[in-house]
PDB file of all heavy atoms in Angstrom:
ATOM      1  N   ASP A   1     -13.999   5.376  -6.122  1.00  0.00           N
ATOM      2  CA  ASP A   1     -12.811   4.802  -6.758  1.00  0.00           C
ATOM      3  C   ASP A   1     -11.923   4.110  -5.722  1.00  0.00           C
ATOM      4  O   ASP A   1     -11.364   3.045  -5.977  1.00  0.00           O
ATOM      5  CB  ASP A   1     -11.994   5.877  -7.472  1.00  0.00           C
ATOM      6  CG  ASP A   1     -12.768   6.586  -8.565  1.00  0.00           C
ATOM      7  OD1 ASP A   1     -13.693   5.973  -9.135  1.00  0.00           O
ATOM      8  OD2 ASP A   1     -12.451   7.753  -8.840  1.00  0.00           O
ATOM      9  N   LEU A   2     -11.804   4.722  -4.549  1.00  0.00           N
ATOM     10  CA  LEU A   2     -10.983   4.136  -3.489  1.00  0.00           C
ATOM     11  C   LEU A   2     -11.578   2.807  -3.024  1.00  0.00           C
ATOM     12  O   LEU A   2     -10.840   1.883  -2.676  1.00  0.00           O
ATOM     13  CB  LEU A   2     -10.837   5.104  -2.312  1.00  0.00           C
ATOM     14  CG  LEU A   2      -9.862   4.669  -1.218  1.00  0.00           C
ATOM     15  CD1 LEU A   2      -8.448   4.531  -1.763  1.00  0.00           C
ATOM     16  CD2 LEU A   2      -9.908   5.643  -0.057  1.00  0.00           C
ATOM     17  N   GLN A   3     -12.909   2.702  -3.051  1.00  0.00           N
ATOM     18  CA  GLN A   3     -13.546   1.446  -2.660  1.00  0.00           C
ATOM     19  C   GLN A   3     -13.127   0.309  -3.601  1.00  0.00           C
ATOM     20  O   GLN A   3     -12.913  -0.823  -3.168  1.00  0.00           O
ATOM     21  CB  GLN A   3     -15.069   1.591  -2.653  1.00  0.00           C
ATOM     22  CG  GLN A   3     -15.800   0.318  -2.280  1.00  0.00           C
ATOM     23  CD  GLN A   3     -15.424  -0.213  -0.904  1.00  0.00           C
ATOM     24  OE1 GLN A   3     -15.343   0.537   0.056  1.00  0.00           O
ATOM     25  NE2 GLN A   3     -15.179  -1.509  -0.810  1.00  0.00           N
ATOM     26  N   VAL A   4     -12.985   0.605  -4.885  1.00  0.00           N
ATOM     27  CA  VAL A   4     -12.527  -0.408  -5.842  1.00  0.00           C
ATOM     28  C   VAL A   4     -11.108  -0.847  -5.494  1.00  0.00           C
ATOM     29  O   VAL A   4     -10.803  -2.042  -5.447  1.00  0.00           O
ATOM     30  CB  VAL A   4     -12.606   0.116  -7.293  1.00  0.00           C
ATOM     31  CG1 VAL A   4     -11.978  -0.866  -8.269  1.00  0.00           C
ATOM     32  CG2 VAL A   4     -14.051   0.417  -7.672  1.00  0.00           C
ATOM     33  N   ILE A   5     -10.237   0.120  -5.229  1.00  0.00           N
ATOM     34  CA  ILE A   5      -8.859  -0.212  -4.837  1.00  0.00           C
ATOM     35  C   ILE A   5      -8.864  -1.034  -3.553  1.00  0.00           C
ATOM     36  O   ILE A   5      -8.163  -2.042  -3.449  1.00  0.00           O
ATOM     37  CB  ILE A   5      -8.002   1.059  -4.695  1.00  0.00           C
ATOM     38  CG1 ILE A   5      -7.721   1.652  -6.081  1.00  0.00           C
ATOM     39  CG2 ILE A   5      -6.701   0.766  -3.948  1.00  0.00           C
ATOM     40  CD1 ILE A   5      -6.952   2.954  -6.063  1.00  0.00           C
ATOM     41  N   SER A   6      -9.683  -0.638  -2.597  1.00  0.00           N
ATOM     42  CA  SER A   6      -9.764  -1.358  -1.330  1.00  0.00           C
ATOM     43  C   SER A   6     -10.152  -2.817  -1.551  1.00  0.00           C
ATOM     44  O   SER A   6      -9.575  -3.724  -0.939  1.00  0.00           O
ATOM     45  CB  SER A   6     -10.772  -0.682  -0.398  1.00  0.00           C
ATOM     46  OG  SER A   6     -10.870  -1.374   0.823  1.00  0.00           O
ATOM     47  N   THR A   7     -11.098  -3.050  -2.431  1.00  0.00           N
ATOM     48  CA  THR A   7     -11.517  -4.421  -2.735  1.00  0.00           C
ATOM     49  C   THR A   7     -10.365  -5.219  -3.336  1.00  0.00           C
ATOM     50  O   THR A   7     -10.168  -6.391  -3.000  1.00  0.00           O
ATOM     51  CB  THR A   7     -12.717  -4.404  -3.707  1.00  0.00           C
ATOM     52  OG1 THR A   7     -13.796  -3.708  -3.075  1.00  0.00           O
ATOM     53  CG2 THR A   7     -13.153  -5.794  -4.089  1.00  0.00           C
ATOM     54  N   MET A   8      -9.591  -4.598  -4.195  1.00  0.00           N
ATOM     55  CA  MET A   8      -8.502  -5.304  -4.868  1.00  0.00           C
ATOM     56  C   MET A   8      -7.314  -5.588  -3.944  1.00  0.00           C
ATOM     57  O   MET A   8      -6.531  -6.488  -4.217  1.00  0.00           O
ATOM     58  CB  MET A   8      -8.035  -4.527  -6.102  1.00  0.00           C
ATOM     59  CG  MET A   8      -9.139  -4.310  -7.134  1.00  0.00           C
ATOM     60  SD  MET A   8     -10.065  -5.806  -7.542  1.00  0.00           S
ATOM     61  CE  MET A   8      -8.914  -6.610  -8.599  1.00  0.00           C
ATOM     62  N   VAL A   9      -7.159  -4.825  -2.856  1.00  0.00           N
ATOM     63  CA  VAL A   9      -6.038  -5.057  -1.945  1.00  0.00           C
ATOM     64  C   VAL A   9      -6.442  -5.809  -0.683  1.00  0.00           C
ATOM     65  O   VAL A   9      -5.591  -6.082   0.173  1.00  0.00           O
ATOM     66  CB  VAL A   9      -5.294  -3.750  -1.571  1.00  0.00           C
ATOM     67  CG1 VAL A   9      -4.687  -3.105  -2.799  1.00  0.00           C
ATOM     68  CG2 VAL A   9      -6.190  -2.797  -0.812  1.00  0.00           C
ATOM     69  N   GLN A  10      -7.720  -6.159  -0.566  1.00  0.00           N
ATOM     70  CA  GLN A  10      -8.147  -6.933   0.602  1.00  0.00           C
ATOM     71  C   GLN A  10      -7.334  -8.223   0.674  1.00  0.00           C
ATOM     72  O   GLN A  10      -7.154  -8.906  -0.330  1.00  0.00           O
ATOM     73  CB  GLN A  10      -9.629  -7.264   0.522  1.00  0.00           C
ATOM     74  CG  GLN A  10     -10.119  -8.045   1.714  1.00  0.00           C
ATOM     75  CD  GLN A  10     -11.598  -8.383   1.629  1.00  0.00           C
ATOM     76  OE1 GLN A  10     -12.294  -7.959   0.736  1.00  0.00           O
ATOM     77  NE2 GLN A  10     -12.063  -9.153   2.590  1.00  0.00           N
ATOM     78  N   ASP A  11      -6.832  -8.514   1.844  1.00  0.00           N
ATOM     79  CA  ASP A  11      -6.017  -9.708   2.122  1.00  0.00           C
ATOM     80  C   ASP A  11      -4.606  -9.634   1.550  1.00  0.00           C
ATOM     81  O   ASP A  11      -3.911 -10.653   1.492  1.00  0.00           O
ATOM     82  CB  ASP A  11      -6.717 -10.992   1.663  1.00  0.00           C
ATOM     83  CG  ASP A  11      -8.013 -11.211   2.418  1.00  0.00           C
ATOM     84  OD1 ASP A  11      -7.974 -11.149   3.660  1.00  0.00           O
ATOM     85  OD2 ASP A  11      -9.056 -11.421   1.777  1.00  0.00           O
ATOM     86  N   ALA A  12      -4.172  -8.460   1.139  1.00  0.00           N
ATOM     87  CA  ALA A  12      -2.768  -8.292   0.745  1.00  0.00           C
ATOM     88  C   ALA A  12      -1.907  -8.409   2.001  1.00  0.00           C
ATOM     89  O   ALA A  12      -2.342  -8.085   3.104  1.00  0.00           O
ATOM     90  CB  ALA A  12      -2.550  -6.935   0.086  1.00  0.00           C
ATOM     91  N   VAL A  13      -0.692  -8.896   1.825  1.00  0.00           N
ATOM     92  CA  VAL A  13       0.248  -9.006   2.937  1.00  0.00           C
ATOM     93  C   VAL A  13       1.536  -8.282   2.557  1.00  0.00           C
ATOM     94  O   VAL A  13       1.877  -8.174   1.375  1.00  0.00           O
ATOM     95  CB  VAL A  13       0.538 -10.476   3.316  1.00  0.00           C
ATOM     96  CG1 VAL A  13      -0.704 -11.130   3.901  1.00  0.00           C
ATOM     97  CG2 VAL A  13       1.048 -11.267   2.135  1.00  0.00           C
ATOM     98  N   LEU A  14       2.224  -7.784   3.590  1.00  0.00           N
ATOM     99  CA  LEU A  14       3.482  -7.096   3.354  1.00  0.00           C
ATOM    100  C   LEU A  14       4.317  -7.102   4.613  1.00  0.00           C
ATOM    101  O   LEU A  14       3.780  -7.051   5.716  1.00  0.00           O
ATOM    102  CB  LEU A  14       3.250  -5.652   2.899  1.00  0.00           C
ATOM    103  CG  LEU A  14       2.701  -4.678   3.951  1.00  0.00           C
ATOM    104  CD1 LEU A  14       3.301  -3.299   3.731  1.00  0.00           C
ATOM    105  CD2 LEU A  14       1.204  -4.611   3.867  1.00  0.00           C
ATOM    106  N   PRO A  15       5.639  -7.168   4.456  1.00  0.00           N
ATOM    107  CA  PRO A  15       6.506  -6.962   5.623  1.00  0.00           C
ATOM    108  C   PRO A  15       6.457  -5.485   6.001  1.00  0.00           C
ATOM    109  O   PRO A  15       6.339  -4.611   5.138  1.00  0.00           O
ATOM    110  CB  PRO A  15       7.901  -7.339   5.122  1.00  0.00           C
ATOM    111  CG  PRO A  15       7.724  -7.919   3.768  1.00  0.00           C
ATOM    112  CD  PRO A  15       6.383  -7.523   3.265  1.00  0.00           C
ATOM    113  N   VAL A  16       6.541  -5.200   7.284  1.00  0.00           N
ATOM    114  CA  VAL A  16       6.507  -3.812   7.738  1.00  0.00           C
ATOM    115  C   VAL A  16       7.631  -3.001   7.087  1.00  0.00           C
ATOM    116  O   VAL A  16       7.500  -1.794   6.882  1.00  0.00           O
ATOM    117  CB  VAL A  16       6.534  -3.737   9.286  1.00  0.00           C
ATOM    118  CG1 VAL A  16       7.890  -4.078   9.829  1.00  0.00           C
ATOM    119  CG2 VAL A  16       6.065  -2.394   9.781  1.00  0.00           C
ATOM    120  N   SER A  17       8.700  -3.663   6.698  1.00  0.00           N
ATOM    121  CA  SER A  17       9.833  -2.978   6.060  1.00  0.00           C
ATOM    122  C   SER A  17       9.497  -2.467   4.657  1.00  0.00           C
ATOM    123  O   SER A  17      10.262  -1.671   4.098  1.00  0.00           O
ATOM    124  CB  SER A  17      11.041  -3.912   5.996  1.00  0.00           C
ATOM    125  OG  SER A  17      10.725  -5.058   5.213  1.00  0.00           O
ATOM    126  N   GLU A  18       8.377  -2.874   4.092  1.00  0.00           N
ATOM    127  CA  GLU A  18       8.000  -2.444   2.743  1.00  0.00           C
ATOM    128  C   GLU A  18       7.046  -1.257   2.745  1.00  0.00           C
ATOM    129  O   GLU A  18       6.309  -1.029   1.794  1.00  0.00           O
ATOM    130  CB  GLU A  18       7.401  -3.611   1.950  1.00  0.00           C
ATOM    131  CG  GLU A  18       8.393  -4.725   1.674  1.00  0.00           C
ATOM    132  CD  GLU A  18       9.590  -4.300   0.833  1.00  0.00           C
ATOM    133  OE1 GLU A  18       9.532  -3.259   0.151  1.00  0.00           O
ATOM    134  OE2 GLU A  18      10.605  -5.014   0.869  1.00  0.00           O
ATOM    135  N   MET A  19       7.060  -0.486   3.839  1.00  0.00           N
ATOM    136  CA  MET A  19       6.334   0.785   3.900  1.00  0.00           C
ATOM    137  C   MET A  19       7.343   1.889   3.635  1.00  0.00           C
ATOM    138  O   MET A  19       8.446   1.853   4.173  1.00  0.00           O
ATOM    139  CB  MET A  19       5.695   1.002   5.274  1.00  0.00           C
ATOM    140  CG  MET A  19       4.633   0.005   5.625  1.00  0.00           C
ATOM    141  SD  MET A  19       3.705   0.432   7.136  1.00  0.00           S
ATOM    142  CE  MET A  19       4.977   0.799   8.306  1.00  0.00           C
ATOM    143  N   SER A  20       6.960   2.857   2.819  1.00  0.00           N
ATOM    144  CA  SER A  20       7.873   3.944   2.488  1.00  0.00           C
ATOM    145  C   SER A  20       7.169   5.291   2.640  1.00  0.00           C
ATOM    146  O   SER A  20       6.170   5.550   1.970  1.00  0.00           O
ATOM    147  CB  SER A  20       8.379   3.784   1.051  1.00  0.00           C
ATOM    148  OG  SER A  20       9.166   4.888   0.667  1.00  0.00           O
ATOM    149  N   TRP A  21       7.707   6.144   3.503  1.00  0.00           N
ATOM    150  CA  TRP A  21       7.173   7.490   3.719  1.00  0.00           C
ATOM    151  C   TRP A  21       8.235   8.477   3.258  1.00  0.00           C
ATOM    152  O   TRP A  21       9.360   8.476   3.764  1.00  0.00           O
ATOM    153  CB  TRP A  21       6.832   7.668   5.190  1.00  0.00           C
ATOM    154  CG  TRP A  21       6.635   9.058   5.701  1.00  0.00           C
ATOM    155  CD1 TRP A  21       7.230   9.603   6.807  1.00  0.00           C
ATOM    156  CD2 TRP A  21       5.783  10.077   5.187  1.00  0.00           C
ATOM    157  NE1 TRP A  21       6.797  10.892   6.996  1.00  0.00           N
ATOM    158  CE2 TRP A  21       5.906  11.211   6.013  1.00  0.00           C
ATOM    159  CE3 TRP A  21       4.928  10.148   4.086  1.00  0.00           C
ATOM    160  CZ2 TRP A  21       5.214  12.392   5.790  1.00  0.00           C
ATOM    161  CZ3 TRP A  21       4.231  11.318   3.853  1.00  0.00           C
ATOM    162  CH2 TRP A  21       4.375  12.427   4.701  1.00  0.00           C
ATOM    163  N   ARG A  22       7.892   9.249   2.243  1.00  0.00           N
ATOM    164  CA  ARG A  22       8.806  10.249   1.707  1.00  0.00           C
ATOM    165  C   ARG A  22       8.202  11.633   1.906  1.00  0.00           C
ATOM    166  O   ARG A  22       7.460  12.134   1.055  1.00  0.00           O
ATOM    167  CB  ARG A  22       9.064   9.983   0.230  1.00  0.00           C
ATOM    168  CG  ARG A  22       9.754   8.645   0.039  1.00  0.00           C
ATOM    169  CD  ARG A  22      10.183   8.442  -1.358  1.00  0.00           C
ATOM    170  NE  ARG A  22      10.935   7.200  -1.420  1.00  0.00           N
ATOM    171  CZ  ARG A  22      11.395   6.698  -2.519  1.00  0.00           C
ATOM    172  NH1 ARG A  22      11.205   7.321  -3.661  1.00  0.00           N
ATOM    173  NH2 ARG A  22      12.069   5.569  -2.501  1.00  0.00           N
ATOM    174  N   PRO A  23       8.505  12.271   3.035  1.00  0.00           N
ATOM    175  CA  PRO A  23       7.871  13.546   3.374  1.00  0.00           C
ATOM    176  C   PRO A  23       8.126  14.654   2.357  1.00  0.00           C
ATOM    177  O   PRO A  23       7.229  15.443   2.070  1.00  0.00           O
ATOM    178  CB  PRO A  23       8.460  13.912   4.732  1.00  0.00           C
ATOM    179  CG  PRO A  23       9.244  12.755   5.198  1.00  0.00           C
ATOM    180  CD  PRO A  23       9.403  11.801   4.079  1.00  0.00           C
ATOM    181  N   LYS A  24       9.333  14.716   1.798  1.00  0.00           N
ATOM    182  CA  LYS A  24       9.632  15.782   0.829  1.00  0.00           C
ATOM    183  C   LYS A  24       8.793  15.635  -0.441  1.00  0.00           C
ATOM    184  O   LYS A  24       8.432  16.622  -1.070  1.00  0.00           O
ATOM    185  CB  LYS A  24      11.117  15.796   0.478  1.00  0.00           C
ATOM    186  CG  LYS A  24      11.983  16.293   1.609  1.00  0.00           C
ATOM    187  CD  LYS A  24      13.434  16.346   1.217  1.00  0.00           C
ATOM    188  CE  LYS A  24      14.271  16.828   2.393  1.00  0.00           C
ATOM    189  NZ  LYS A  24      15.694  16.839   2.080  1.00  0.00           N
ATOM    190  N   GLU A  25       8.493  14.392  -0.810  1.00  0.00           N
ATOM    191  CA  GLU A  25       7.651  14.130  -1.993  1.00  0.00           C
ATOM    192  C   GLU A  25       6.178  14.056  -1.619  1.00  0.00           C
ATOM    193  O   GLU A  25       5.330  13.958  -2.508  1.00  0.00           O
ATOM    194  CB  GLU A  25       8.071  12.815  -2.648  1.00  0.00           C
ATOM    195  CG  GLU A  25       9.485  12.826  -3.181  1.00  0.00           C
ATOM    196  CD  GLU A  25       9.913  11.460  -3.680  1.00  0.00           C
ATOM    197  OE1 GLU A  25       9.046  10.651  -4.081  1.00  0.00           O
ATOM    198  OE2 GLU A  25      11.129  11.195  -3.658  1.00  0.00           O
ATOM    199  N   ARG A  26       5.903  14.075  -0.322  1.00  0.00           N
ATOM    200  CA  ARG A  26       4.528  13.955   0.197  1.00  0.00           C
ATOM    201  C   ARG A  26       3.859  12.682  -0.317  1.00  0.00           C
ATOM    202  O   ARG A  26       2.713  12.681  -0.716  1.00  0.00           O
ATOM    203  CB  ARG A  26       3.724  15.201  -0.147  1.00  0.00           C
ATOM    204  CG  ARG A  26       4.309  16.438   0.491  1.00  0.00           C
ATOM    205  CD  ARG A  26       3.691  17.712   0.065  1.00  0.00           C
ATOM    206  NE  ARG A  26       2.267  17.606  -0.200  1.00  0.00           N
ATOM    207  CZ  ARG A  26       1.416  18.595  -0.118  1.00  0.00           C
ATOM    208  NH1 ARG A  26       1.837  19.765   0.245  1.00  0.00           N
ATOM    209  NH2 ARG A  26       0.153  18.442  -0.407  1.00  0.00           N
ATOM    210  N   ARG A  27       4.605  11.580  -0.265  1.00  0.00           N
ATOM    211  CA  ARG A  27       4.122  10.300  -0.784  1.00  0.00           C
ATOM    212  C   ARG A  27       4.339   9.205   0.254  1.00  0.00           C
ATOM    213  O   ARG A  27       5.394   9.136   0.884  1.00  0.00           O
ATOM    214  CB  ARG A  27       4.861   9.940  -2.066  1.00  0.00           C
ATOM    215  CG  ARG A  27       4.462   8.579  -2.640  1.00  0.00           C
ATOM    216  CD  ARG A  27       5.142   8.282  -3.958  1.00  0.00           C
ATOM    217  NE  ARG A  27       4.703   9.262  -4.939  1.00  0.00           N
ATOM    218  CZ  ARG A  27       5.530   9.989  -5.686  1.00  0.00           C
ATOM    219  NH1 ARG A  27       6.836   9.854  -5.592  1.00  0.00           N
ATOM    220  NH2 ARG A  27       5.055  10.859  -6.556  1.00  0.00           N
ATOM    221  N   PHE A  28       3.335   8.355   0.388  1.00  0.00           N
ATOM    222  CA  PHE A  28       3.430   7.167   1.228  1.00  0.00           C
ATOM    223  C   PHE A  28       3.073   5.976   0.355  1.00  0.00           C
ATOM    224  O   PHE A  28       2.078   6.016  -0.382  1.00  0.00           O
ATOM    225  CB  PHE A  28       2.460   7.254   2.414  1.00  0.00           C
ATOM    226  CG  PHE A  28       2.510   6.052   3.309  1.00  0.00           C
ATOM    227  CD1 PHE A  28       3.542   5.884   4.218  1.00  0.00           C
ATOM    228  CD2 PHE A  28       1.531   5.079   3.233  1.00  0.00           C
ATOM    229  CE1 PHE A  28       3.590   4.769   5.047  1.00  0.00           C
ATOM    230  CE2 PHE A  28       1.566   3.965   4.052  1.00  0.00           C
ATOM    231  CZ  PHE A  28       2.603   3.811   4.964  1.00  0.00           C
ATOM    232  N   ALA A  29       3.889   4.919   0.413  1.00  0.00           N
ATOM    233  CA  ALA A  29       3.652   3.763  -0.455  1.00  0.00           C
ATOM    234  C   ALA A  29       3.882   2.465   0.310  1.00  0.00           C
ATOM    235  O   ALA A  29       4.678   2.404   1.248  1.00  0.00           O
ATOM    236  CB  ALA A  29       4.555   3.821  -1.679  1.00  0.00           C
ATOM    237  N   LEU A  30       3.168   1.447  -0.141  1.00  0.00           N
ATOM    238  CA  LEU A  30       3.293   0.097   0.399  1.00  0.00           C
ATOM    239  C   LEU A  30       3.549  -0.851  -0.760  1.00  0.00           C
ATOM    240  O   LEU A  30       2.858  -0.790  -1.778  1.00  0.00           O
ATOM    241  CB  LEU A  30       1.984  -0.329   1.079  1.00  0.00           C
ATOM    242  CG  LEU A  30       1.434   0.576   2.173  1.00  0.00           C
ATOM    243  CD1 LEU A  30      -0.011   0.229   2.477  1.00  0.00           C
ATOM    244  CD2 LEU A  30       2.285   0.439   3.413  1.00  0.00           C
ATOM    245  N   LEU A  31       4.548  -1.723  -0.611  1.00  0.00           N
ATOM    246  CA  LEU A  31       4.778  -2.776  -1.592  1.00  0.00           C
ATOM    247  C   LEU A  31       4.090  -4.024  -1.053  1.00  0.00           C
ATOM    248  O   LEU A  31       4.523  -4.619  -0.070  1.00  0.00           O
ATOM    249  CB  LEU A  31       6.270  -3.030  -1.805  1.00  0.00           C
ATOM    250  CG  LEU A  31       6.613  -4.142  -2.794  1.00  0.00           C
ATOM    251  CD1 LEU A  31       6.068  -3.833  -4.193  1.00  0.00           C
ATOM    252  CD2 LEU A  31       8.114  -4.376  -2.842  1.00  0.00           C
ATOM    253  N   LEU A  32       2.988  -4.389  -1.697  1.00  0.00           N
ATOM    254  CA  LEU A  32       2.100  -5.455  -1.225  1.00  0.00           C
ATOM    255  C   LEU A  32       2.272  -6.731  -2.024  1.00  0.00           C
ATOM    256  O   LEU A  32       2.617  -6.696  -3.198  1.00  0.00           O
ATOM    257  CB  LEU A  32       0.633  -5.040  -1.412  1.00  0.00           C
ATOM    258  CG  LEU A  32       0.176  -3.687  -0.932  1.00  0.00           C
ATOM    259  CD1 LEU A  32      -1.191  -3.380  -1.517  1.00  0.00           C
ATOM    260  CD2 LEU A  32       0.125  -3.669   0.567  1.00  0.00           C
ATOM    261  N   ASN A  33       1.935  -7.838  -1.399  1.00  0.00           N
ATOM    262  CA  ASN A  33       1.720  -9.096  -2.096  1.00  0.00           C
ATOM    263  C   ASN A  33       0.200  -9.248  -2.138  1.00  0.00           C
ATOM    264  O   ASN A  33      -0.422  -9.709  -1.185  1.00  0.00           O
ATOM    265  CB  ASN A  33       2.388 -10.256  -1.351  1.00  0.00           C
ATOM    266  CG  ASN A  33       3.890 -10.109  -1.396  1.00  0.00           C
ATOM    267  OD1 ASN A  33       4.496 -10.201  -2.449  1.00  0.00           O
ATOM    268  ND2 ASN A  33       4.491  -9.851  -0.250  1.00  0.00           N
ATOM    269  N   ARG A  34      -0.366  -8.800  -3.255  1.00  0.00           N
ATOM    270  CA  ARG A  34      -1.817  -8.686  -3.400  1.00  0.00           C
ATOM    271  C   ARG A  34      -2.425  -9.994  -3.895  1.00  0.00           C
ATOM    272  O   ARG A  34      -1.922 -10.593  -4.847  1.00  0.00           O
ATOM    273  CB  ARG A  34      -2.106  -7.557  -4.417  1.00  0.00           C
ATOM    274  CG  ARG A  34      -3.551  -7.293  -4.691  1.00  0.00           C
ATOM    275  CD  ARG A  34      -3.722  -6.158  -5.675  1.00  0.00           C
ATOM    276  NE  ARG A  34      -3.428  -6.521  -7.049  1.00  0.00           N
ATOM    277  CZ  ARG A  34      -4.262  -7.204  -7.849  1.00  0.00           C
ATOM    278  NH1 ARG A  34      -5.409  -7.623  -7.419  1.00  0.00           N
ATOM    279  NH2 ARG A  34      -3.907  -7.462  -9.092  1.00  0.00           N
ATOM    280  N   PHE A  35      -3.511 -10.439  -3.241  1.00  0.00           N
ATOM    281  CA  PHE A  35      -4.242 -11.587  -3.755  1.00  0.00           C
ATOM    282  C   PHE A  35      -5.004 -11.117  -4.990  1.00  0.00           C
ATOM    283  O   PHE A  35      -5.653 -10.077  -4.981  1.00  0.00           O
ATOM    284  CB  PHE A  35      -5.220 -12.148  -2.712  1.00  0.00           C
ATOM    285  CG  PHE A  35      -5.878 -13.411  -3.173  1.00  0.00           C
ATOM    286  CD1 PHE A  35      -5.208 -14.618  -3.080  1.00  0.00           C
ATOM    287  CD2 PHE A  35      -7.137 -13.387  -3.739  1.00  0.00           C
ATOM    288  CE1 PHE A  35      -5.786 -15.790  -3.537  1.00  0.00           C
ATOM    289  CE2 PHE A  35      -7.723 -14.556  -4.197  1.00  0.00           C
ATOM    290  CZ  PHE A  35      -7.062 -15.756  -4.093  1.00  0.00           C
TER     291      PHE A  35
END
């Protein structure tokens, strides 16, 4: 399943400022501009 996601996000771009690490929620997220 992760391979499918990987294919869909290949060549996505993002500013480094759009990375979010929330340790209390144990969640890491990226806001991408996905092709």
